[in-house]
């Protein structure tokens, strides 16, 4: 998502650097500053929409992962709890951060909203909260993956020991 957000912000500048004929005609009619504001607003709206879509995908993935962990890992509490924490972070973003970020972002997209420092500071703080919560999800996901990999590896080792050991090497118990 970070790459998509950065690309969206950069795409507005790319259109303005080498505009095609109709875009340069619009820039002449409306003015370069107005076209710049419009393109940046459009890029910001795309980014806000992608946040919502990405969070909805993450909610579905967390529920599927939680179901898989519940049924596939012999109901290990630690892995299910980590998945629950990640789901909680996504729900926090989806219900609290992204709607507020969308509202405050729209407030700062066009002047005079963008000239007030209070709205801009709130928007930047919300972005920081979003980045921190995304970072926490990545860290927790890494811990969960490491735990599941370590659990799987240790289970294979103990399973091999049990399979490789033979209690009675005598074939006398086989009907012949």
C-alpha atoms as a PDB file:
ATOM      1  CA  UNK A   1       0.000   0.000   0.000  1.00  0.00           C
ATOM      2  CA  UNK A   2       2.841   2.396   0.731  1.00  0.00           C
ATOM      3  CA  UNK A   3       4.123   1.988  -2.823  1.00  0.00           C
ATOM      4  CA  UNK A   4       0.638   2.561  -4.241  1.00  0.00           C
ATOM      5  CA  UNK A   5       0.182   5.706  -2.160  1.00  0.00           C
ATOM      6  CA  UNK A   6       3.534   7.099  -3.249  1.00  0.00           C
ATOM      7  CA  UNK A   7       2.812   6.241  -6.870  1.00  0.00           C
ATOM      8  CA  UNK A   8      -0.594   7.973  -6.680  1.00  0.00           C
ATOM      9  CA  UNK A   9       0.998  11.137  -5.334  1.00  0.00           C
ATOM     10  CA  UNK A  10       3.685  11.018  -8.006  1.00  0.00           C
ATOM     11  CA  UNK A  11       1.207  10.384 -10.845  1.00  0.00           C
ATOM     12  CA  UNK A  12      -0.312  13.869 -10.533  1.00  0.00           C
ATOM     13  CA  UNK A  13       3.112  15.412 -11.040  1.00  0.00           C
ATOM     14  CA  UNK A  14       3.821  13.113 -14.013  1.00  0.00           C
ATOM     15  CA  UNK A  15       0.686  14.313 -15.801  1.00  0.00           C
ATOM     16  CA  UNK A  16       1.714  17.925 -15.285  1.00  0.00           C
ATOM     17  CA  UNK A  17       5.334  17.483 -16.364  1.00  0.00           C
ATOM     18  CA  UNK A  18       4.476  16.145 -19.820  1.00  0.00           C
ATOM     19  CA  UNK A  19       0.795  16.801 -20.448  1.00  0.00           C
ATOM     20  CA  UNK A  20      -0.913  15.563 -23.583  1.00  0.00           C
ATOM     21  CA  UNK A  21      -2.763  18.061 -25.819  1.00  0.00           C
ATOM     22  CA  UNK A  22      -6.151  18.102 -24.065  1.00  0.00           C
ATOM     23  CA  UNK A  23      -4.557  18.378 -20.623  1.00  0.00           C
ATOM     24  CA  UNK A  24      -2.389  21.304 -21.648  1.00  0.00           C
ATOM     25  CA  UNK A  25      -5.466  23.012 -23.153  1.00  0.00           C
ATOM     26  CA  UNK A  26      -7.319  22.536 -19.841  1.00  0.00           C
ATOM     27  CA  UNK A  27      -4.301  23.894 -17.958  1.00  0.00           C
ATOM     28  CA  UNK A  28      -4.335  26.990 -20.132  1.00  0.00           C
ATOM     29  CA  UNK A  29      -8.080  27.456 -19.609  1.00  0.00           C
ATOM     30  CA  UNK A  30      -8.237  26.726 -15.886  1.00  0.00           C
ATOM     31  CA  UNK A  31      -4.721  27.653 -14.910  1.00  0.00           C
ATOM     32  CA  UNK A  32      -1.794  25.463 -13.892  1.00  0.00           C
ATOM     33  CA  UNK A  33      -2.503  25.874 -10.171  1.00  0.00           C
ATOM     34  CA  UNK A  34      -6.127  24.748 -10.484  1.00  0.00           C
ATOM     35  CA  UNK A  35      -5.211  21.672 -12.563  1.00  0.00           C
ATOM     36  CA  UNK A  36      -2.499  20.802 -10.036  1.00  0.00           C
ATOM     37  CA  UNK A  37      -5.001  21.004  -7.167  1.00  0.00           C
ATOM     38  CA  UNK A  38      -7.514  18.901  -9.047  1.00  0.00           C
ATOM     39  CA  UNK A  39      -5.020  16.185  -9.961  1.00  0.00           C
ATOM     40  CA  UNK A  40      -3.622  16.009  -6.434  1.00  0.00           C
ATOM     41  CA  UNK A  41      -7.135  15.830  -5.029  1.00  0.00           C
ATOM     42  CA  UNK A  42      -7.955  13.018  -7.443  1.00  0.00           C
ATOM     43  CA  UNK A  43      -4.805  11.106  -6.426  1.00  0.00           C
ATOM     44  CA  UNK A  44      -5.680  11.606  -2.748  1.00  0.00           C
ATOM     45  CA  UNK A  45      -9.244  10.348  -3.345  1.00  0.00           C
ATOM     46  CA  UNK A  46      -7.878   7.244  -5.056  1.00  0.00           C
ATOM     47  CA  UNK A  47      -5.579   6.654  -2.112  1.00  0.00           C
ATOM     48  CA  UNK A  48      -8.420   7.056   0.386  1.00  0.00           C
ATOM     49  CA  UNK A  49     -10.576   4.623  -1.571  1.00  0.00           C
ATOM     50  CA  UNK A  50      -7.727   2.117  -1.751  1.00  0.00           C
ATOM     51  CA  UNK A  51      -7.308   2.308   2.027  1.00  0.00           C
ATOM     52  CA  UNK A  52     -10.939   1.267   2.471  1.00  0.00           C
ATOM     53  CA  UNK A  53     -10.655  -1.564  -0.050  1.00  0.00           C
ATOM     54  CA  UNK A  54      -7.363  -2.810   1.402  1.00  0.00           C
ATOM     55  CA  UNK A  55      -8.804  -2.802   4.921  1.00  0.00           C
ATOM     56  CA  UNK A  56     -11.853  -4.765   3.762  1.00  0.00           C
ATOM     57  CA  UNK A  57      -9.535  -7.320   2.139  1.00  0.00           C
ATOM     58  CA  UNK A  58      -7.500  -7.507   5.346  1.00  0.00           C
ATOM     59  CA  UNK A  59     -10.638  -8.136   7.417  1.00  0.00           C
ATOM     60  CA  UNK A  60     -11.621 -11.050   5.170  1.00  0.00           C
ATOM     61  CA  UNK A  61      -8.061 -12.408   5.210  1.00  0.00           C
ATOM     62  CA  UNK A  62      -7.906 -12.160   9.003  1.00  0.00           C
ATOM     63  CA  UNK A  63     -11.193 -14.044   9.379  1.00  0.00           C
ATOM     64  CA  UNK A  64     -10.038 -16.755   6.961  1.00  0.00           C
ATOM     65  CA  UNK A  65      -6.662 -16.990   8.705  1.00  0.00           C
ATOM     66  CA  UNK A  66      -8.381 -17.162  12.089  1.00  0.00           C
ATOM     67  CA  UNK A  67     -10.589 -19.999  10.867  1.00  0.00           C
ATOM     68  CA  UNK A  68      -7.608 -21.849   9.445  1.00  0.00           C
ATOM     69  CA  UNK A  69      -5.641 -21.392  12.662  1.00  0.00           C
ATOM     70  CA  UNK A  70      -8.567 -22.588  14.729  1.00  0.00           C
ATOM     71  CA  UNK A  71      -9.099 -25.756  12.719  1.00  0.00           C
ATOM     72  CA  UNK A  72      -5.532 -26.507  11.576  1.00  0.00           C
ATOM     73  CA  UNK A  73      -3.266 -25.822  14.563  1.00  0.00           C
ATOM     74  CA  UNK A  74      -5.029 -27.821  17.258  1.00  0.00           C
ATOM     75  CA  UNK A  75      -6.537 -24.605  18.618  1.00  0.00           C
ATOM     76  CA  UNK A  76      -3.252 -23.093  19.797  1.00  0.00           C
ATOM     77  CA  UNK A  77      -4.242 -19.995  21.753  1.00  0.00           C
ATOM     78  CA  UNK A  78      -1.109 -17.961  20.974  1.00  0.00           C
ATOM     79  CA  UNK A  79      -1.516 -18.065  17.188  1.00  0.00           C
ATOM     80  CA  UNK A  80      -5.248 -17.336  17.371  1.00  0.00           C
ATOM     81  CA  UNK A  81      -4.602 -14.449  19.787  1.00  0.00           C
ATOM     82  CA  UNK A  82      -2.018 -12.913  17.435  1.00  0.00           C
ATOM     83  CA  UNK A  83      -4.489 -13.188  14.568  1.00  0.00           C
ATOM     84  CA  UNK A  84      -7.122 -11.555  16.772  1.00  0.00           C
ATOM     85  CA  UNK A  85      -4.789  -8.664  17.603  1.00  0.00           C
ATOM     86  CA  UNK A  86      -4.117  -8.128  13.901  1.00  0.00           C
ATOM     87  CA  UNK A  87      -7.863  -8.205  13.206  1.00  0.00           C
ATOM     88  CA  UNK A  88      -8.380  -5.691  16.013  1.00  0.00           C
ATOM     89  CA  UNK A  89      -5.811  -3.353  14.483  1.00  0.00           C
ATOM     90  CA  UNK A  90      -7.496  -3.580  11.076  1.00  0.00           C
ATOM     91  CA  UNK A  91     -10.902  -2.898  12.628  1.00  0.00           C
ATOM     92  CA  UNK A  92      -9.439   0.107  14.475  1.00  0.00           C
ATOM     93  CA  UNK A  93      -8.103   1.436  11.193  1.00  0.00           C
ATOM     94  CA  UNK A  94     -11.308   0.705   9.291  1.00  0.00           C
ATOM     95  CA  UNK A  95     -13.713   2.163  11.848  1.00  0.00           C
ATOM     96  CA  UNK A  96     -11.694   4.995  13.409  1.00  0.00           C
ATOM     97  CA  UNK A  97      -8.618   6.059  11.492  1.00  0.00           C
ATOM     98  CA  UNK A  98      -9.565   5.812   7.799  1.00  0.00           C
ATOM     99  CA  UNK A  99     -12.916   7.661   8.059  1.00  0.00           C
ATOM    100  CA  UNK A 100     -11.285  10.469  10.032  1.00  0.00           C
ATOM    101  CA  UNK A 101      -8.327  10.517   7.673  1.00  0.00           C
ATOM    102  CA  UNK A 102     -10.671  10.759   4.695  1.00  0.00           C
ATOM    103  CA  UNK A 103     -12.600  13.620   6.271  1.00  0.00           C
ATOM    104  CA  UNK A 104      -9.514  15.547   7.357  1.00  0.00           C
ATOM    105  CA  UNK A 105      -7.753  14.828   4.073  1.00  0.00           C
ATOM    106  CA  UNK A 106     -10.595  16.293   2.043  1.00  0.00           C
ATOM    107  CA  UNK A 107     -10.522  19.284   4.351  1.00  0.00           C
ATOM    108  CA  UNK A 108      -6.877  19.934   3.458  1.00  0.00           C
ATOM    109  CA  UNK A 109      -7.016  19.119  -0.274  1.00  0.00           C
ATOM    110  CA  UNK A 110      -8.123  22.586  -1.387  1.00  0.00           C
ATOM    111  CA  UNK A 111      -7.409  26.053  -0.042  1.00  0.00           C
ATOM    112  CA  UNK A 112      -8.299  27.600   2.320  1.00  0.00           C
ATOM    113  CA  UNK A 113      -8.433  24.238   4.172  1.00  0.00           C
ATOM    114  CA  UNK A 114      -4.867  23.398   3.259  1.00  0.00           C
ATOM    115  CA  UNK A 115      -3.601  26.721   4.580  1.00  0.00           C
ATOM    116  CA  UNK A 116      -4.819  26.103   8.141  1.00  0.00           C
ATOM    117  CA  UNK A 117      -2.087  24.427  10.114  1.00  0.00           C
ATOM    118  CA  UNK A 118      -4.453  22.732  12.582  1.00  0.00           C
ATOM    119  CA  UNK A 119      -6.174  20.613   9.927  1.00  0.00           C
ATOM    120  CA  UNK A 120      -2.863  19.727   8.311  1.00  0.00           C
ATOM    121  CA  UNK A 121      -1.323  18.723  11.652  1.00  0.00           C
ATOM    122  CA  UNK A 122      -4.328  16.480  12.449  1.00  0.00           C
ATOM    123  CA  UNK A 123      -4.064  14.860   9.023  1.00  0.00           C
ATOM    124  CA  UNK A 124      -0.355  14.201   9.434  1.00  0.00           C
ATOM    125  CA  UNK A 125      -0.920  12.745  12.905  1.00  0.00           C
ATOM    126  CA  UNK A 126      -3.579  10.423  11.509  1.00  0.00           C
ATOM    127  CA  UNK A 127      -1.174   9.290   8.793  1.00  0.00           C
ATOM    128  CA  UNK A 128       1.408   8.574  11.491  1.00  0.00           C
ATOM    129  CA  UNK A 129      -1.119   6.506  13.448  1.00  0.00           C
ATOM    130  CA  UNK A 130      -1.930   4.628  10.241  1.00  0.00           C
ATOM    131  CA  UNK A 131       1.753   3.929   9.552  1.00  0.00           C
ATOM    132  CA  UNK A 132       2.376   2.758  13.135  1.00  0.00           C
ATOM    133  CA  UNK A 133      -0.624   0.417  13.079  1.00  0.00           C
ATOM    134  CA  UNK A 134       0.485  -0.972   9.695  1.00  0.00           C
ATOM    135  CA  UNK A 135       3.953  -1.535  11.139  1.00  0.00           C
ATOM    136  CA  UNK A 136       2.487  -3.310  14.153  1.00  0.00           C
ATOM    137  CA  UNK A 137       0.490  -5.603  11.865  1.00  0.00           C
ATOM    138  CA  UNK A 138       3.637  -6.470   9.917  1.00  0.00           C
ATOM    139  CA  UNK A 139       5.571  -7.208  13.114  1.00  0.00           C
ATOM    140  CA  UNK A 140       2.761  -9.289  14.612  1.00  0.00           C
ATOM    141  CA  UNK A 141       2.348 -11.130  11.291  1.00  0.00           C
ATOM    142  CA  UNK A 142       6.074 -11.886  11.315  1.00  0.00           C
ATOM    143  CA  UNK A 143       5.883 -13.204  14.876  1.00  0.00           C
ATOM    144  CA  UNK A 144       2.869 -15.328  13.924  1.00  0.00           C
ATOM    145  CA  UNK A 145       4.611 -16.730  10.837  1.00  0.00           C
ATOM    146  CA  UNK A 146       7.755 -17.471  12.861  1.00  0.00           C
ATOM    147  CA  UNK A 147       5.733 -19.180  15.571  1.00  0.00           C
ATOM    148  CA  UNK A 148       3.826 -21.292  13.068  1.00  0.00           C
ATOM    149  CA  UNK A 149       7.023 -22.211  11.221  1.00  0.00           C
ATOM    150  CA  UNK A 150       8.802 -23.137  14.473  1.00  0.00           C
ATOM    151  CA  UNK A 151       5.741 -25.101  15.618  1.00  0.00           C
ATOM    152  CA  UNK A 152       5.567 -26.951  12.299  1.00  0.00           C
ATOM    153  CA  UNK A 153       9.298 -27.706  12.282  1.00  0.00           C
ATOM    154  CA  UNK A 154       9.323 -28.990  15.863  1.00  0.00           C
ATOM    155  CA  UNK A 155       6.260 -31.117  15.138  1.00  0.00           C
ATOM    156  CA  UNK A 156       7.979 -32.723  12.153  1.00  0.00           C
ATOM    157  CA  UNK A 157      11.048 -33.569  14.234  1.00  0.00           C
ATOM    158  CA  UNK A 158       9.085 -35.172  17.032  1.00  0.00           C
ATOM    159  CA  UNK A 159       6.880 -36.981  14.549  1.00  0.00           C
ATOM    160  CA  UNK A 160       9.908 -38.473  12.801  1.00  0.00           C
ATOM    161  CA  UNK A 161      11.353 -39.714  16.053  1.00  0.00           C
ATOM    162  CA  UNK A 162       8.129 -41.464  16.894  1.00  0.00           C
ATOM    163  CA  UNK A 163       7.823 -43.005  13.438  1.00  0.00           C
ATOM    164  CA  UNK A 164      11.475 -44.044  13.154  1.00  0.00           C
ATOM    165  CA  UNK A 165      11.612 -45.847  16.485  1.00  0.00           C
ATOM    166  CA  UNK A 166      10.578 -49.487  16.445  1.00  0.00           C
ATOM    167  CA  UNK A 167       9.503 -51.101  19.675  1.00  0.00           C
ATOM    168  CA  UNK A 168       9.803 -54.685  18.598  1.00  0.00           C
ATOM    169  CA  UNK A 169      11.955 -55.643  15.626  1.00  0.00           C
ATOM    170  CA  UNK A 170      10.785 -59.260  15.682  1.00  0.00           C
ATOM    171  CA  UNK A 171       8.374 -60.195  12.887  1.00  0.00           C
ATOM    172  CA  UNK A 172       6.817 -62.920  15.071  1.00  0.00           C
ATOM    173  CA  UNK A 173       3.663 -60.860  15.657  1.00  0.00           C
ATOM    174  CA  UNK A 174       2.767 -61.069  11.942  1.00  0.00           C
ATOM    175  CA  UNK A 175       0.435 -63.910  10.985  1.00  0.00           C
ATOM    176  CA  UNK A 176       2.221 -66.081   8.619  1.00  0.00           C
END
